[in-house]
Amino acid sequence: MKKIRDLIKKVILWIVVAFFASTILSVAVLRWVPVWFTPLMFIRLAQQVSEGKELTLHHHWVPLEEIAPSLPTAVMASEDARFQEHHGFDYKAIEHAAMRNIKHPEKRKLGASTISQQTAKNVFLWPGRSWVRKGFEVYFTTLIELMWTKQRIMEVYLNSIEMGDGIYGADAVAEYHFNTTADKLTKAQCALIAVSLPNPRRMNSARPSAYMLKRQKRILHEMRFVKKL
């Protein structure tokens, strides 16, 4: 019995060691290597197959220098105004969201995920709201904040995030929604893309609704107060 317990302990120890070694190595490698595929891309492809749809995946990796500077500014204004100040977690936003959700439980839950958290989720994890997934998100967010620069986090974010049905990243959405390239996106187009990010398959930046146009104006206004990356 003692030998079995010792064996189990050794197996668990090796699993833990392998987990930390592999994840730290992965984050270190992706500090320099482009992210060509994400778990969400494969999930969407599987959904397309199950629904009998044509497989669609548009994704072009481009360096941050080849993305219009207005796009990082727009997503910070819309998603994470304190991106350059925090270390992965915006505690003020978390407190605000918690208080608002407690006071108004009947309304849609307000989130407080930072761009760093969204990047960690997009690259390393799967969609969902379980506590297990959230725990992994905290872990990977901490790792990328320690090992990557803010510029790299933004670069990966803008290249990997879903921006439309089968569309991932700034260059793909520039081509398929605006018939241009990521470096030539206008400030107005960048704001529309930022508007769509909470639900890019429902809110189409190429065909904005009245709500999206109203939100676009708000983001364009907020962009004036966001520090350039």
C-alpha atoms as a PDB file:
ATOM      1  CA  MET A   1       0.000   0.000   0.000  1.00  0.00           C
ATOM      2  CA  LYS A   2       2.840   2.381   0.888  1.00  0.00           C
ATOM      3  CA  LYS A   3       4.490   1.722  -2.497  1.00  0.00           C
ATOM      4  CA  ILE A   4       1.245   2.573  -4.264  1.00  0.00           C
ATOM      5  CA  ARG A   5       0.905   5.836  -2.310  1.00  0.00           C
ATOM      6  CA  ASP A   6       4.506   6.735  -3.094  1.00  0.00           C
ATOM      7  CA  LEU A   7       3.941   5.984  -6.773  1.00  0.00           C
ATOM      8  CA  ILE A   8       0.804   8.145  -6.834  1.00  0.00           C
ATOM      9  CA  LYS A   9       2.722  10.993  -5.174  1.00  0.00           C
ATOM     10  CA  LYS A  10       5.494  10.730  -7.747  1.00  0.00           C
ATOM     11  CA  VAL A  11       3.025  10.718 -10.646  1.00  0.00           C
ATOM     12  CA  ILE A  12       1.216  13.780  -9.257  1.00  0.00           C
ATOM     13  CA  LEU A  13       4.543  15.556  -8.702  1.00  0.00           C
ATOM     14  CA  TRP A  14       5.675  14.855 -12.259  1.00  0.00           C
ATOM     15  CA  ILE A  15       2.318  16.054 -13.633  1.00  0.00           C
ATOM     16  CA  VAL A  16       2.647  19.314 -11.690  1.00  0.00           C
ATOM     17  CA  VAL A  17       6.264  19.778 -12.788  1.00  0.00           C
ATOM     18  CA  ALA A  18       5.383  18.996 -16.411  1.00  0.00           C
ATOM     19  CA  PHE A  19       2.472  21.464 -16.308  1.00  0.00           C
ATOM     20  CA  PHE A  20       4.527  24.363 -14.995  1.00  0.00           C
ATOM     21  CA  ALA A  21       7.506  23.595 -17.236  1.00  0.00           C
ATOM     22  CA  SER A  22       5.403  23.295 -20.410  1.00  0.00           C
ATOM     23  CA  THR A  23       3.275  26.380 -19.761  1.00  0.00           C
ATOM     24  CA  ILE A  24       6.211  28.595 -18.825  1.00  0.00           C
ATOM     25  CA  LEU A  25       8.096  27.390 -21.906  1.00  0.00           C
ATOM     26  CA  SER A  26       5.062  28.036 -24.118  1.00  0.00           C
ATOM     27  CA  VAL A  27       4.679  31.595 -22.840  1.00  0.00           C
ATOM     28  CA  ALA A  28       8.427  32.197 -23.269  1.00  0.00           C
ATOM     29  CA  VAL A  29       8.386  30.938 -26.874  1.00  0.00           C
ATOM     30  CA  LEU A  30       5.309  32.982 -27.792  1.00  0.00           C
ATOM     31  CA  ARG A  31       7.104  36.088 -26.578  1.00  0.00           C
ATOM     32  CA  TRP A  32       8.770  35.960 -30.010  1.00  0.00           C
ATOM     33  CA  VAL A  33       6.874  33.480 -32.219  1.00  0.00           C
ATOM     34  CA  PRO A  34       3.627  34.517 -33.988  1.00  0.00           C
ATOM     35  CA  VAL A  35       0.422  32.884 -32.762  1.00  0.00           C
ATOM     36  CA  TRP A  36      -0.951  31.231 -35.891  1.00  0.00           C
ATOM     37  CA  PHE A  37      -3.840  29.329 -34.294  1.00  0.00           C
ATOM     38  CA  THR A  38      -5.842  29.589 -31.069  1.00  0.00           C
ATOM     39  CA  PRO A  39      -8.184  27.136 -29.312  1.00  0.00           C
ATOM     40  CA  LEU A  40     -11.181  29.301 -30.278  1.00  0.00           C
ATOM     41  CA  MET A  41     -10.321  28.996 -33.973  1.00  0.00           C
ATOM     42  CA  PHE A  42     -10.507  25.195 -33.748  1.00  0.00           C
ATOM     43  CA  ILE A  43     -13.718  25.386 -31.705  1.00  0.00           C
ATOM     44  CA  ARG A  44     -15.352  27.623 -34.345  1.00  0.00           C
ATOM     45  CA  LEU A  45     -14.259  25.253 -37.125  1.00  0.00           C
ATOM     46  CA  ALA A  46     -15.792  22.324 -35.238  1.00  0.00           C
ATOM     47  CA  GLN A  47     -19.019  24.317 -34.809  1.00  0.00           C
ATOM     48  CA  GLN A  48     -19.089  25.059 -38.546  1.00  0.00           C
ATOM     49  CA  VAL A  49     -18.712  21.346 -39.321  1.00  0.00           C
ATOM     50  CA  SER A  50     -21.465  20.384 -36.865  1.00  0.00           C
ATOM     51  CA  GLU A  51     -23.790  22.996 -38.386  1.00  0.00           C
ATOM     52  CA  GLY A  52     -23.031  21.902 -41.941  1.00  0.00           C
ATOM     53  CA  LYS A  53     -21.446  25.218 -42.869  1.00  0.00           C
ATOM     54  CA  GLU A  54     -18.497  25.879 -45.131  1.00  0.00           C
ATOM     55  CA  LEU A  55     -15.226  26.004 -43.206  1.00  0.00           C
ATOM     56  CA  THR A  56     -14.162  29.631 -42.849  1.00  0.00           C
ATOM     57  CA  LEU A  57     -11.029  30.895 -41.146  1.00  0.00           C
ATOM     58  CA  HIS A  58      -9.357  34.166 -42.110  1.00  0.00           C
ATOM     59  CA  HIS A  59      -6.240  35.029 -40.138  1.00  0.00           C
ATOM     60  CA  HIS A  60      -3.114  36.962 -41.176  1.00  0.00           C
ATOM     61  CA  TRP A  61      -0.417  37.637 -38.601  1.00  0.00           C
ATOM     62  CA  VAL A  62       1.093  41.132 -38.884  1.00  0.00           C
ATOM     63  CA  PRO A  63       3.526  42.861 -36.495  1.00  0.00           C
ATOM     64  CA  LEU A  64       2.248  45.708 -34.350  1.00  0.00           C
ATOM     65  CA  GLU A  65       4.163  48.198 -36.512  1.00  0.00           C
ATOM     66  CA  GLU A  66       1.940  47.225 -39.447  1.00  0.00           C
ATOM     67  CA  ILE A  67      -1.308  47.898 -37.575  1.00  0.00           C
ATOM     68  CA  ALA A  68      -2.821  51.383 -37.587  1.00  0.00           C
ATOM     69  CA  PRO A  69      -1.909  53.093 -34.275  1.00  0.00           C
ATOM     70  CA  SER A  70      -5.550  54.055 -33.825  1.00  0.00           C
ATOM     71  CA  LEU A  71      -6.568  50.420 -33.331  1.00  0.00           C
ATOM     72  CA  PRO A  72      -4.645  49.830 -30.069  1.00  0.00           C
ATOM     73  CA  THR A  73      -5.932  53.197 -28.879  1.00  0.00           C
ATOM     74  CA  ALA A  74      -9.521  52.314 -29.791  1.00  0.00           C
ATOM     75  CA  VAL A  75      -9.483  48.923 -28.048  1.00  0.00           C
ATOM     76  CA  MET A  76      -7.942  50.468 -24.929  1.00  0.00           C
ATOM     77  CA  ALA A  77     -10.623  53.180 -24.930  1.00  0.00           C
ATOM     78  CA  SER A  78     -13.326  50.548 -25.320  1.00  0.00           C
ATOM     79  CA  GLU A  79     -12.020  47.535 -23.393  1.00  0.00           C
ATOM     80  CA  ASP A  80      -9.278  48.542 -20.965  1.00  0.00           C
ATOM     81  CA  ALA A  81      -8.437  52.212 -20.440  1.00  0.00           C
ATOM     82  CA  ARG A  82      -5.837  51.399 -17.762  1.00  0.00           C
ATOM     83  CA  PHE A  83      -4.083  48.729 -19.831  1.00  0.00           C
ATOM     84  CA  GLN A  84      -0.709  50.458 -19.608  1.00  0.00           C
ATOM     85  CA  GLU A  85      -1.013  51.095 -15.866  1.00  0.00           C
ATOM     86  CA  HIS A  86      -2.095  47.762 -14.366  1.00  0.00           C
ATOM     87  CA  HIS A  87      -0.206  44.470 -14.182  1.00  0.00           C
ATOM     88  CA  GLY A  88      -2.860  42.285 -15.760  1.00  0.00           C
ATOM     89  CA  PHE A  89      -5.817  42.936 -13.460  1.00  0.00           C
ATOM     90  CA  ASP A  90      -7.789  46.168 -13.124  1.00  0.00           C
ATOM     91  CA  TYR A  91      -8.963  46.022  -9.514  1.00  0.00           C
ATOM     92  CA  LYS A  92     -10.936  49.264  -9.821  1.00  0.00           C
ATOM     93  CA  ALA A  93     -12.893  47.836 -12.742  1.00  0.00           C
ATOM     94  CA  ILE A  94     -13.420  44.546 -10.871  1.00  0.00           C
ATOM     95  CA  GLU A  95     -14.791  46.416  -7.846  1.00  0.00           C
ATOM     96  CA  HIS A  96     -17.036  48.557 -10.042  1.00  0.00           C
ATOM     97  CA  ALA A  97     -18.383  45.500 -11.904  1.00  0.00           C
ATOM     98  CA  ALA A  98     -18.995  43.597  -8.663  1.00  0.00           C
ATOM     99  CA  MET A  99     -20.913  46.490  -7.076  1.00  0.00           C
ATOM    100  CA  ARG A 100     -22.988  47.068 -10.196  1.00  0.00           C
ATOM    101  CA  ASN A 101     -23.838  43.342 -10.511  1.00  0.00           C
ATOM    102  CA  ILE A 102     -24.901  43.218  -6.836  1.00  0.00           C
ATOM    103  CA  LYS A 103     -27.060  46.327  -7.112  1.00  0.00           C
ATOM    104  CA  HIS A 104     -28.634  45.332 -10.435  1.00  0.00           C
ATOM    105  CA  PRO A 105     -28.822  41.514 -10.570  1.00  0.00           C
ATOM    106  CA  GLU A 106     -31.592  41.724 -13.171  1.00  0.00           C
ATOM    107  CA  LYS A 107     -29.255  43.274 -15.760  1.00  0.00           C
ATOM    108  CA  ARG A 108     -26.659  41.522 -17.912  1.00  0.00           C
ATOM    109  CA  LYS A 109     -23.569  40.736 -15.855  1.00  0.00           C
ATOM    110  CA  LEU A 110     -20.850  43.353 -16.232  1.00  0.00           C
ATOM    111  CA  GLY A 111     -17.353  41.962 -16.744  1.00  0.00           C
ATOM    112  CA  ALA A 112     -13.976  43.485 -15.956  1.00  0.00           C
ATOM    113  CA  SER A 113     -11.547  41.436 -18.040  1.00  0.00           C
ATOM    114  CA  THR A 114      -8.460  43.334 -19.110  1.00  0.00           C
ATOM    115  CA  ILE A 115      -6.776  43.051 -22.495  1.00  0.00           C
ATOM    116  CA  SER A 116      -4.108  40.947 -20.793  1.00  0.00           C
ATOM    117  CA  GLN A 117      -6.738  38.537 -19.462  1.00  0.00           C
ATOM    118  CA  GLN A 118      -8.468  38.336 -22.832  1.00  0.00           C
ATOM    119  CA  THR A 119      -5.130  37.623 -24.511  1.00  0.00           C
ATOM    120  CA  ALA A 120      -4.372  34.834 -22.042  1.00  0.00           C
ATOM    121  CA  LYS A 121      -7.820  33.348 -22.636  1.00  0.00           C
ATOM    122  CA  ASN A 122      -7.627  33.637 -26.438  1.00  0.00           C
ATOM    123  CA  VAL A 123      -4.184  32.081 -26.797  1.00  0.00           C
ATOM    124  CA  PHE A 124      -4.042  29.426 -24.083  1.00  0.00           C
ATOM    125  CA  LEU A 125      -7.585  28.578 -22.995  1.00  0.00           C
ATOM    126  CA  TRP A 126     -11.130  27.888 -24.065  1.00  0.00           C
ATOM    127  CA  PRO A 127     -14.325  29.978 -23.765  1.00  0.00           C
ATOM    128  CA  GLY A 128     -16.329  29.547 -20.602  1.00  0.00           C
ATOM    129  CA  ARG A 129     -17.104  30.932 -17.175  1.00  0.00           C
ATOM    130  CA  SER A 130     -16.147  28.092 -14.855  1.00  0.00           C
ATOM    131  CA  TRP A 131     -13.956  28.755 -11.824  1.00  0.00           C
ATOM    132  CA  VAL A 132     -11.399  26.258 -13.139  1.00  0.00           C
ATOM    133  CA  ARG A 133     -11.004  28.136 -16.416  1.00  0.00           C
ATOM    134  CA  LYS A 134     -10.904  31.444 -14.547  1.00  0.00           C
ATOM    135  CA  GLY A 135      -8.114  30.094 -12.353  1.00  0.00           C
ATOM    136  CA  PHE A 136      -6.062  29.128 -15.395  1.00  0.00           C
ATOM    137  CA  GLU A 137      -6.770  32.574 -16.846  1.00  0.00           C
ATOM    138  CA  VAL A 138      -5.306  34.247 -13.759  1.00  0.00           C
ATOM    139  CA  TYR A 139      -2.240  32.003 -14.005  1.00  0.00           C
ATOM    140  CA  PHE A 140      -1.571  32.684 -17.703  1.00  0.00           C
ATOM    141  CA  THR A 141      -2.321  36.393 -17.325  1.00  0.00           C
ATOM    142  CA  THR A 142       0.319  36.599 -14.605  1.00  0.00           C
ATOM    143  CA  LEU A 143       2.820  34.758 -16.797  1.00  0.00           C
ATOM    144  CA  ILE A 144       2.391  36.962 -19.864  1.00  0.00           C
ATOM    145  CA  GLU A 145       2.538  40.120 -17.763  1.00  0.00           C
ATOM    146  CA  LEU A 146       5.828  38.906 -16.273  1.00  0.00           C
ATOM    147  CA  MET A 147       7.380  37.639 -19.510  1.00  0.00           C
ATOM    148  CA  TRP A 148       5.948  39.835 -22.281  1.00  0.00           C
ATOM    149  CA  THR A 149       5.965  43.584 -22.841  1.00  0.00           C
ATOM    150  CA  LYS A 150       2.727  45.542 -23.080  1.00  0.00           C
ATOM    151  CA  GLN A 151       3.468  46.014 -26.785  1.00  0.00           C
ATOM    152  CA  ARG A 152       3.728  42.239 -27.258  1.00  0.00           C
ATOM    153  CA  ILE A 153       0.504  41.612 -25.348  1.00  0.00           C
ATOM    154  CA  MET A 154      -1.286  44.134 -27.567  1.00  0.00           C
ATOM    155  CA  GLU A 155       0.289  42.655 -30.707  1.00  0.00           C
ATOM    156  CA  VAL A 156      -0.899  39.145 -29.838  1.00  0.00           C
ATOM    157  CA  TYR A 157      -4.317  40.441 -28.780  1.00  0.00           C
ATOM    158  CA  LEU A 158      -4.905  42.336 -32.035  1.00  0.00           C
ATOM    159  CA  ASN A 159      -3.767  39.354 -34.095  1.00  0.00           C
ATOM    160  CA  SER A 160      -5.660  36.602 -32.301  1.00  0.00           C
ATOM    161  CA  ILE A 161      -8.982  38.053 -31.167  1.00  0.00           C
ATOM    162  CA  GLU A 162     -12.183  37.132 -33.007  1.00  0.00           C
ATOM    163  CA  MET A 163     -13.350  40.137 -35.052  1.00  0.00           C
ATOM    164  CA  GLY A 164     -16.118  38.611 -37.129  1.00  0.00           C
ATOM    165  CA  ASP A 165     -17.605  35.299 -38.262  1.00  0.00           C
ATOM    166  CA  GLY A 166     -14.486  33.293 -39.139  1.00  0.00           C
ATOM    167  CA  ILE A 167     -12.344  36.435 -38.973  1.00  0.00           C
ATOM    168  CA  TYR A 168      -9.435  36.736 -36.550  1.00  0.00           C
ATOM    169  CA  GLY A 169      -7.073  39.643 -36.157  1.00  0.00           C
ATOM    170  CA  ALA A 170      -6.645  43.180 -37.433  1.00  0.00           C
ATOM    171  CA  ASP A 171      -5.422  42.415 -40.954  1.00  0.00           C
ATOM    172  CA  ALA A 172      -8.178  39.912 -41.720  1.00  0.00           C
ATOM    173  CA  VAL A 173     -10.954  42.226 -40.525  1.00  0.00           C
ATOM    174  CA  ALA A 174      -9.380  45.102 -42.452  1.00  0.00           C
ATOM    175  CA  GLU A 175      -9.497  43.026 -45.640  1.00  0.00           C
ATOM    176  CA  TYR A 176     -12.893  41.378 -45.292  1.00  0.00           C
ATOM    177  CA  HIS A 177     -14.824  44.235 -43.665  1.00  0.00           C
ATOM    178  CA  PHE A 178     -13.113  47.337 -45.068  1.00  0.00           C
ATOM    179  CA  ASN A 179     -11.256  46.157 -48.195  1.00  0.00           C
ATOM    180  CA  THR A 180      -7.940  47.481 -46.921  1.00  0.00           C
ATOM    181  CA  THR A 181      -4.969  46.415 -44.794  1.00  0.00           C
ATOM    182  CA  ALA A 182      -4.393  46.744 -41.067  1.00  0.00           C
ATOM    183  CA  ASP A 183      -1.951  49.638 -41.439  1.00  0.00           C
ATOM    184  CA  LYS A 184      -4.444  51.682 -43.473  1.00  0.00           C
ATOM    185  CA  LEU A 185      -7.446  51.415 -41.149  1.00  0.00           C
ATOM    186  CA  THR A 186      -8.936  54.819 -40.368  1.00  0.00           C
ATOM    187  CA  LYS A 187      -9.651  56.058 -36.869  1.00  0.00           C
ATOM    188  CA  ALA A 188     -13.402  55.641 -37.478  1.00  0.00           C
ATOM    189  CA  GLN A 189     -12.946  52.064 -38.707  1.00  0.00           C
ATOM    190  CA  CYS A 190     -10.774  51.234 -35.685  1.00  0.00           C
ATOM    191  CA  ALA A 191     -13.486  52.530 -33.375  1.00  0.00           C
ATOM    192  CA  LEU A 192     -16.097  50.359 -35.132  1.00  0.00           C
ATOM    193  CA  ILE A 193     -13.894  47.293 -34.758  1.00  0.00           C
ATOM    194  CA  ALA A 194     -13.523  48.076 -31.049  1.00  0.00           C
ATOM    195  CA  VAL A 195     -17.310  48.372 -30.728  1.00  0.00           C
ATOM    196  CA  SER A 196     -17.769  44.878 -32.171  1.00  0.00           C
ATOM    197  CA  LEU A 197     -15.313  43.056 -29.890  1.00  0.00           C
ATOM    198  CA  PRO A 198     -17.722  42.067 -27.083  1.00  0.00           C
ATOM    199  CA  ASN A 199     -19.755  40.070 -29.643  1.00  0.00           C
ATOM    200  CA  PRO A 200     -18.115  40.193 -33.100  1.00  0.00           C
ATOM    201  CA  ARG A 201     -20.372  37.574 -34.665  1.00  0.00           C
ATOM    202  CA  ARG A 202     -23.469  39.586 -33.792  1.00  0.00           C
ATOM    203  CA  MET A 203     -22.081  43.102 -34.190  1.00  0.00           C
ATOM    204  CA  ASN A 204     -20.641  43.404 -37.693  1.00  0.00           C
ATOM    205  CA  SER A 205     -18.171  46.286 -38.038  1.00  0.00           C
ATOM    206  CA  ALA A 206     -18.781  46.313 -41.814  1.00  0.00           C
ATOM    207  CA  ARG A 207     -22.522  46.841 -41.333  1.00  0.00           C
ATOM    208  CA  PRO A 208     -22.889  48.815 -38.099  1.00  0.00           C
ATOM    209  CA  SER A 209     -26.239  49.205 -36.386  1.00  0.00           C
ATOM    210  CA  ALA A 210     -27.495  52.461 -34.902  1.00  0.00           C
ATOM    211  CA  TYR A 211     -26.245  51.289 -31.497  1.00  0.00           C
ATOM    212  CA  MET A 212     -22.789  50.580 -32.924  1.00  0.00           C
ATOM    213  CA  LEU A 213     -22.580  54.019 -34.551  1.00  0.00           C
ATOM    214  CA  LYS A 214     -23.554  55.648 -31.267  1.00  0.00           C
ATOM    215  CA  ARG A 215     -20.946  53.611 -29.414  1.00  0.00           C
ATOM    216  CA  GLN A 216     -18.389  54.456 -32.110  1.00  0.00           C
ATOM    217  CA  LYS A 217     -18.789  58.171 -31.386  1.00  0.00           C
ATOM    218  CA  ARG A 218     -18.253  57.524 -27.689  1.00  0.00           C
ATOM    219  CA  ILE A 219     -15.070  55.562 -28.334  1.00  0.00           C
ATOM    220  CA  LEU A 220     -13.725  58.230 -30.709  1.00  0.00           C
ATOM    221  CA  HIS A 221     -14.233  60.739 -27.920  1.00  0.00           C
ATOM    222  CA  GLU A 222     -12.557  58.512 -25.298  1.00  0.00           C
ATOM    223  CA  MET A 223      -9.594  57.849 -27.592  1.00  0.00           C
ATOM    224  CA  ARG A 224      -8.442  61.425 -27.106  1.00  0.00           C
ATOM    225  CA  PHE A 225      -7.695  60.679 -23.456  1.00  0.00           C
ATOM    226  CA  VAL A 226      -5.890  57.348 -23.924  1.00  0.00           C
ATOM    227  CA  LYS A 227      -2.103  57.356 -23.831  1.00  0.00           C
ATOM    228  CA  LYS A 228      -0.630  56.037 -27.075  1.00  0.00           C
ATOM    229  CA  LEU A 229       0.987  52.613 -26.803  1.00  0.00           C
END
